[in-house]
């Protein structure tokens, strides 16, 4: 199949705000649903309903359905995803889980449907690739946030009641309120790895997807990283792999363009901070950054360690690493009455 070059976005495309009672669909956008985790999915549905929304499960989200490591063939997932994008009743889409499938259907996504009716898409891991590509192609604000089954139905259930209430309110507000959220709730885990302040659009995801996406026709133009606050996290692999991914971002010029960095809590990465003299994640980051004067905030609840703070891709943020604060300066959604969801340059 020949890829047709699509125009790059010059404006931010905010989804329409949700209202209580709106339909949210949980869909298998990548990996399958193991029957063992059906109770977690049910708890995730209850969490979304607790935010005030109706919930429906997409047809491919069926326990035991799988094709290799995926919930279905990539073309089947793309067909269902596109039908959700085109369905006016569906007001938001939450990925059931991550996985290894999104690269298989990037060329099958109906980008025009996203432009016609922008709606929030929530998820992390493999879903962060969707956020990056949809932002690059349409300007859509993606919600790097918890997936349903291992996130809302898993990590959230192991958090304190107070934390779950705080996160539920935060997610609901981000999806429904057209005013900026302001400061995200910090925790004692946050660390200043390099002091400084920065303001810019929030761009990121799981680091291996950021790097791999740049090797495809769906790559973000380097200009998207100008003045950006780059956030990233990683699951599994070796500490040396993370160092290599950062080196690739250095060689590609990304690290010369960004204004700040937010690093998620590492999860199951071998070779970090071990007794044999292995480096810490902070040491790896600072080694690759060198003398670049970029503030870095580390160990933020972003990614697989969960529960996730929502990180709306493309929204302008303020980072103060020394004070350990990260603030959303713009709303992530657009007023319901706007016919396009798109902002003019004057509105941004």
Protein backbone atom coordinates (compact mmCIF):
# COMPACT_ATOMS: atom_id res chain seq x y z
CA UNK A 1 0.00 0.00 0.00
CA UNK A 2 1.34 3.44 -0.93
CA UNK A 3 1.21 6.00 1.86
CA UNK A 4 -0.21 9.36 0.94
CA UNK A 5 1.54 12.25 2.61
CA UNK A 6 -0.84 14.12 4.84
CA UNK A 7 -0.47 17.77 5.80
CA UNK A 8 1.13 18.37 9.18
CA UNK A 9 -1.04 20.22 11.73
CA UNK A 10 -0.43 23.89 12.28
CA UNK A 11 -3.02 24.10 15.06
CA UNK A 12 -3.93 22.14 18.14
CA UNK A 13 -7.04 19.96 17.82
CA UNK A 14 -8.78 19.68 21.17
CA UNK A 15 -11.48 17.03 21.60
CA UNK A 16 -14.97 18.14 22.49
CA UNK A 17 -15.65 18.20 26.23
CA UNK A 18 -17.66 15.35 27.71
CA UNK A 19 -20.80 15.88 29.77
CA UNK A 20 -22.31 13.54 32.39
CA UNK A 21 -24.03 10.59 30.76
CA UNK A 22 -21.84 10.60 27.66
CA UNK A 23 -20.85 7.24 26.19
CA UNK A 24 -17.27 6.05 26.76
CA UNK A 25 -16.19 2.91 24.91
CA UNK A 26 -13.47 0.61 26.19
CA UNK A 27 -11.77 -0.99 23.18
CA UNK A 28 -9.02 -3.51 22.43
CA UNK A 29 -6.71 -1.20 20.48
CA UNK A 30 -3.71 -3.50 20.88
CA UNK A 31 -3.37 -6.50 23.18
CA UNK A 32 -5.98 -9.18 24.01
CA UNK A 33 -8.07 -9.63 27.14
CA UNK A 34 -7.03 -12.64 29.19
CA UNK A 35 -9.98 -14.28 30.94
CA UNK A 36 -8.13 -13.97 34.26
CA UNK A 37 -8.42 -10.19 34.07
CA UNK A 38 -12.13 -9.89 33.35
CA UNK A 39 -12.74 -8.83 36.98
CA UNK A 40 -10.17 -6.04 36.53
CA UNK A 41 -11.99 -4.87 33.41
CA UNK A 42 -15.27 -4.87 35.33
CA UNK A 43 -13.68 -2.74 38.05
CA UNK A 44 -12.38 -0.37 35.37
CA UNK A 45 -15.90 0.02 33.97
CA UNK A 46 -17.12 0.87 37.48
CA UNK A 47 -14.42 3.54 37.82
CA UNK A 48 -15.46 5.20 34.55
CA UNK A 49 -19.12 5.03 35.52
CA UNK A 50 -18.16 6.63 38.83
CA UNK A 51 -16.88 9.61 36.84
CA UNK A 52 -20.42 10.07 35.53
CA UNK A 53 -20.24 8.40 32.11
CA UNK A 54 -21.99 5.49 30.42
CA UNK A 55 -19.68 2.66 29.35
CA UNK A 56 -19.81 0.16 26.53
CA UNK A 57 -17.30 -2.54 25.59
CA UNK A 58 -16.28 -2.73 21.93
CA UNK A 59 -16.95 -6.10 20.22
CA UNK A 60 -13.29 -7.12 19.85
CA UNK A 61 -12.85 -6.81 23.61
CA UNK A 62 -13.85 -10.40 24.27
CA UNK A 63 -12.10 -12.59 26.83
CA UNK A 64 -9.95 -15.22 25.12
CA UNK A 65 -10.10 -13.62 21.67
CA UNK A 66 -6.59 -13.22 20.30
CA UNK A 67 -4.39 -13.43 17.25
CA UNK A 68 -0.77 -13.99 18.22
CA UNK A 69 0.01 -11.18 20.70
CA UNK A 70 -2.95 -9.04 19.60
CA UNK A 71 -6.67 -8.89 20.23
CA UNK A 72 -7.26 -9.39 16.48
CA UNK A 73 -5.59 -8.76 13.13
CA UNK A 74 -4.39 -5.17 12.73
CA UNK A 75 -6.92 -4.51 9.97
CA UNK A 76 -9.74 -5.74 12.24
CA UNK A 77 -8.61 -3.47 15.05
CA UNK A 78 -8.35 -0.54 12.65
CA UNK A 79 -11.85 -1.20 11.31
CA UNK A 80 -13.34 -1.19 14.81
CA UNK A 81 -11.29 1.84 15.86
CA UNK A 82 -12.43 3.79 12.80
CA UNK A 83 -16.06 2.87 13.45
CA UNK A 84 -15.73 4.31 16.97
CA UNK A 85 -14.15 7.47 15.59
CA UNK A 86 -17.07 7.89 13.16
CA UNK A 87 -19.84 7.06 15.66
CA UNK A 88 -21.31 10.36 16.96
CA UNK A 89 -22.66 8.65 20.08
CA UNK A 90 -19.15 7.63 21.19
CA UNK A 91 -17.61 10.59 23.03
CA UNK A 92 -14.38 9.01 24.30
CA UNK A 93 -12.34 5.85 23.77
CA UNK A 94 -10.34 4.14 26.52
CA UNK A 95 -7.83 1.46 25.53
CA UNK A 96 -8.29 -1.78 27.45
CA UNK A 97 -4.49 -2.36 27.55
CA UNK A 98 -1.28 -1.72 25.68
CA UNK A 99 0.60 -4.31 23.68
CA UNK A 100 2.48 -4.62 20.39
CA UNK A 101 -0.06 -3.93 17.64
CA UNK A 102 -0.48 -0.22 16.90
CA UNK A 103 2.42 -0.17 14.41
CA UNK A 104 0.42 -2.65 12.34
CA UNK A 105 -2.46 -0.30 11.53
CA UNK A 106 -1.10 3.25 11.48
CA UNK A 107 -1.68 3.35 7.72
CA UNK A 108 -5.34 2.30 8.15
CA UNK A 109 -6.51 5.03 10.53
CA UNK A 110 -9.24 7.38 9.32
CA UNK A 111 -7.55 10.70 10.09
CA UNK A 112 -10.42 12.62 8.48
CA UNK A 113 -12.83 11.13 11.03
CA UNK A 114 -10.62 12.48 13.82
CA UNK A 115 -10.59 15.94 12.28
CA UNK A 116 -14.37 15.85 11.80
CA UNK A 117 -15.19 14.75 15.35
CA UNK A 118 -12.21 14.90 17.72
CA UNK A 119 -12.76 12.84 20.85
CA UNK A 120 -10.50 11.91 23.78
CA UNK A 121 -8.50 8.71 23.40
CA UNK A 122 -6.98 7.43 26.65
CA UNK A 123 -4.13 5.01 27.21
CA UNK A 124 -0.38 4.54 27.61
CA UNK A 125 2.30 2.04 26.54
CA UNK A 126 1.60 1.00 22.91
CA UNK A 127 -1.27 3.51 22.90
CA UNK A 128 1.24 6.33 23.37
CA UNK A 129 2.22 5.63 19.76
CA UNK A 130 -1.36 6.46 18.74
CA UNK A 131 -1.17 9.76 20.62
CA UNK A 132 2.08 10.73 18.90
CA UNK A 133 0.90 9.84 15.40
CA UNK A 134 -2.55 11.41 15.76
CA UNK A 135 -0.94 14.57 17.12
CA UNK A 136 1.54 14.63 14.23
CA UNK A 137 -1.14 14.09 11.57
CA UNK A 138 -4.10 16.03 12.94
CA UNK A 139 -2.98 18.02 15.99
CA UNK A 140 -5.24 15.91 18.24
CA UNK A 141 -4.63 16.22 21.97
CA UNK A 142 -4.05 12.65 23.16
CA UNK A 143 -4.60 11.58 26.75
CA UNK A 144 -1.56 9.67 27.95
CA UNK A 145 -3.40 8.20 30.92
CA UNK A 146 -4.27 4.88 32.48
CA UNK A 147 -5.56 2.09 30.29
CA UNK A 148 -8.65 0.29 31.57
CA UNK A 149 -7.85 -3.25 32.66
CA UNK A 150 -4.37 -3.09 34.28
CA UNK A 151 -4.76 0.60 35.10
CA UNK A 152 -8.21 1.66 36.28
CA UNK A 153 -9.05 -1.91 37.23
CA UNK A 154 -5.62 -2.80 38.58
CA UNK A 155 -3.24 -0.08 39.78
CA UNK A 156 -6.11 2.14 40.92
CA UNK A 157 -7.54 -0.63 43.08
CA UNK A 158 -4.26 -0.98 44.97
CA UNK A 159 -4.04 2.74 45.69
CA UNK A 160 -5.50 4.35 48.78
CA UNK A 161 -9.14 5.40 48.72
CA UNK A 162 -8.06 9.03 48.92
CA UNK A 163 -5.74 8.63 45.91
CA UNK A 164 -8.44 6.90 43.86
CA UNK A 165 -10.88 9.70 44.64
CA UNK A 166 -8.27 12.30 43.71
CA UNK A 167 -7.47 10.60 40.41
CA UNK A 168 -11.13 10.07 39.52
CA UNK A 169 -11.87 13.73 40.03
CA UNK A 170 -8.76 14.73 38.07
CA UNK A 171 -9.63 12.53 35.08
CA UNK A 172 -13.27 13.65 35.05
CA UNK A 173 -12.30 17.32 35.29
CA UNK A 174 -9.75 17.00 32.50
CA UNK A 175 -12.37 15.44 30.22
CA UNK A 176 -15.22 17.85 31.00
CA UNK A 177 -13.79 21.22 32.04
CA UNK A 178 -12.75 23.87 29.54
CA UNK A 179 -10.61 25.66 32.13
CA UNK A 180 -6.94 24.76 32.77
CA UNK A 181 -6.32 22.18 35.49
CA UNK A 182 -3.27 23.95 36.89
CA UNK A 183 -0.81 22.02 39.04
CA UNK A 184 -0.97 18.24 38.86
CA UNK A 185 -0.98 16.57 42.30
CA UNK A 186 2.66 15.94 43.21
CA UNK A 187 3.92 13.09 45.38
CA UNK A 188 7.03 12.56 47.53
CA UNK A 189 8.54 10.37 44.77
CA UNK A 190 9.14 13.37 42.49
CA UNK A 191 12.83 14.30 42.28
CA UNK A 192 14.70 17.26 40.83
CA UNK A 193 17.41 15.80 38.64
CA UNK A 194 18.37 19.15 37.13
CA UNK A 195 16.98 22.45 38.38
CA UNK A 196 15.29 24.98 36.17
CA UNK A 197 11.99 26.11 34.72
CA UNK A 198 10.40 25.58 31.33
CA UNK A 199 7.12 26.18 29.54
CA UNK A 200 6.04 24.45 26.38
CA UNK A 201 3.83 21.80 24.79
CA UNK A 202 3.81 18.41 26.49
CA UNK A 203 5.10 15.71 24.12
CA UNK A 204 5.98 12.12 24.95
CA UNK A 205 5.09 8.55 25.81
CA UNK A 206 6.96 5.29 26.32
CA UNK A 207 10.48 6.04 25.10
CA UNK A 208 10.86 3.09 22.75
CA UNK A 209 7.70 4.16 20.88
CA UNK A 210 8.93 7.76 20.63
CA UNK A 211 12.16 6.55 19.05
CA UNK A 212 10.59 3.95 16.75
CA UNK A 213 7.86 6.32 15.55
CA UNK A 214 10.54 8.68 14.27
CA UNK A 215 11.72 5.95 11.89
CA UNK A 216 8.35 5.83 10.07
CA UNK A 217 6.47 8.09 7.67
CA UNK A 218 4.27 8.99 10.66
CA UNK A 219 7.12 10.66 12.56
CA UNK A 220 6.60 13.93 14.38
CA UNK A 221 8.31 16.76 12.51
CA UNK A 222 11.29 17.93 14.55
CA UNK A 223 9.57 21.31 14.85
CA UNK A 224 7.01 19.64 17.15
CA UNK A 225 9.78 19.33 19.74
CA UNK A 226 10.73 23.01 19.65
CA UNK A 227 10.41 24.32 23.21
CA UNK A 228 8.55 21.16 24.27
CA UNK A 229 8.51 19.49 27.66
CA UNK A 230 9.39 15.91 26.78
CA UNK A 231 7.94 13.24 29.07
CA UNK A 232 8.84 9.58 28.84
CA UNK A 233 8.90 6.26 30.69
CA UNK A 234 9.97 2.71 29.98
CA UNK A 235 9.00 -0.83 30.92
CA UNK A 236 11.45 -3.74 30.96
CA UNK A 237 14.64 -4.21 29.01
CA UNK A 238 18.07 -3.03 30.06
CA UNK A 239 19.34 0.25 31.45
CA UNK A 240 21.69 0.32 28.46
CA UNK A 241 18.64 0.28 26.16
CA UNK A 242 17.31 3.45 27.79
CA UNK A 243 20.74 5.05 27.40
CA UNK A 244 20.70 4.09 23.70
CA UNK A 245 17.18 5.48 23.15
CA UNK A 246 18.27 8.78 24.68
CA UNK A 247 21.36 8.79 22.48
CA UNK A 248 19.13 8.34 19.41
CA UNK A 249 17.08 11.34 20.52
CA UNK A 250 20.35 13.24 20.88
CA UNK A 251 21.57 12.28 17.40
CA UNK A 252 18.19 13.12 15.85
CA UNK A 253 18.30 16.62 17.31
CA UNK A 254 15.33 16.20 19.66
CA UNK A 255 17.34 16.92 22.80
CA UNK A 256 18.64 20.15 21.26
CA UNK A 257 15.09 21.39 20.72
CA UNK A 258 13.25 20.57 23.95
CA UNK A 259 12.96 22.98 26.89
CA UNK A 260 12.43 20.47 29.70
CA UNK A 261 12.06 16.80 30.57
CA UNK A 262 9.77 14.74 32.82
CA UNK A 263 10.79 11.13 33.48
CA UNK A 264 8.35 8.50 34.70
CA UNK A 265 8.96 5.94 37.42
CA UNK A 266 11.04 3.12 35.85
CA UNK A 267 9.42 -0.30 35.82
CA UNK A 268 11.29 -3.64 35.64
CA UNK A 269 14.41 -2.21 33.96
CA UNK A 270 17.45 -4.42 34.57
CA UNK A 271 20.79 -2.86 35.48
CA UNK A 272 19.59 0.22 37.34
CA UNK A 273 21.09 1.24 40.68
CA UNK A 274 22.39 -2.24 41.53
CA UNK A 275 25.27 -3.11 43.90
CA UNK A 276 27.69 -3.75 41.03
CA UNK A 277 28.00 -0.04 40.35
CA UNK A 278 25.27 0.25 37.74
CA UNK A 279 23.96 3.78 37.17
CA UNK A 280 20.74 5.26 38.41
CA UNK A 281 18.20 6.43 35.87
CA UNK A 282 19.05 10.03 36.80
CA UNK A 283 22.73 9.39 36.04
CA UNK A 284 21.84 7.94 32.63
CA UNK A 285 19.67 10.93 31.75
CA UNK A 286 22.22 13.51 32.84
CA UNK A 287 25.03 11.64 31.08
CA UNK A 288 23.25 11.89 27.73
CA UNK A 289 22.04 15.47 28.25
CA UNK A 290 25.60 16.59 28.92
CA UNK A 291 25.85 20.35 29.28
CA UNK A 292 22.37 21.04 27.88
CA UNK A 293 20.68 23.37 30.37
CA UNK A 294 17.39 21.47 30.52
CA UNK A 295 15.39 21.10 33.74
CA UNK A 296 14.59 17.47 34.55
CA UNK A 297 11.89 16.23 36.92
CA UNK A 298 12.18 12.51 37.69
CA UNK A 299 10.14 9.68 39.19
CA UNK A 300 6.78 11.15 38.17
CA UNK A 301 3.76 8.81 38.06
CA UNK A 302 3.69 8.42 34.28
CA UNK A 303 3.47 5.01 32.65
CA UNK A 304 3.62 1.37 33.63
CA UNK A 305 4.36 1.82 37.34
CA UNK A 306 0.87 3.37 37.77
CA UNK A 307 -1.53 4.75 38.77
CA UNK A 308 -1.01 7.35 36.07
CA UNK A 309 -1.29 11.07 36.21
CA UNK A 310 -2.90 12.16 32.93
CA UNK A 311 -0.52 13.84 30.50
CA UNK A 312 -2.43 15.51 27.63
CA UNK A 313 -0.16 15.51 24.59
CA UNK A 314 0.16 18.92 22.97
CA UNK A 315 -1.11 20.98 25.91
CA UNK A 316 1.16 23.75 27.17
CA UNK A 317 2.63 23.08 30.60
CA UNK A 318 4.88 24.80 33.12
CA UNK A 319 7.67 22.77 34.70
CA UNK A 320 9.66 23.84 37.76
CA UNK A 321 12.02 20.99 38.54
CA UNK A 322 13.48 22.49 41.70
CA UNK A 323 10.03 23.14 43.17
CA UNK A 324 8.87 19.76 41.81
CA UNK A 325 5.78 21.13 40.10
CA UNK A 326 4.15 20.40 36.75
CA UNK A 327 1.14 22.52 35.77
CA UNK A 328 -1.29 22.30 32.85
CA UNK A 329 -1.64 25.85 31.53
CA UNK A 330 -4.41 25.08 29.02
CA UNK A 331 -7.56 22.96 28.98
CA UNK A 332 -7.36 19.61 27.23
CA UNK A 333 -10.89 19.81 25.78
CA UNK A 334 -12.89 22.32 23.79
CA UNK A 335 -16.40 23.61 24.55
CA UNK A 336 -19.08 21.24 23.24
CA UNK A 337 -20.64 23.86 20.98
CA UNK A 338 -17.54 24.31 18.80
CA UNK A 339 -18.13 22.55 15.52
CA UNK A 340 -14.53 21.61 14.87
CA UNK A 341 -12.77 21.35 18.22
CA UNK A 342 -9.92 23.23 16.57
CA UNK A 343 -8.36 26.38 17.92
CA UNK A 344 -7.05 29.23 15.89
CA UNK A 345 -3.54 30.45 16.59
CA UNK A 346 -5.04 33.45 18.34
CA UNK A 347 -6.92 31.17 20.78
CA UNK A 348 -3.94 29.06 21.76
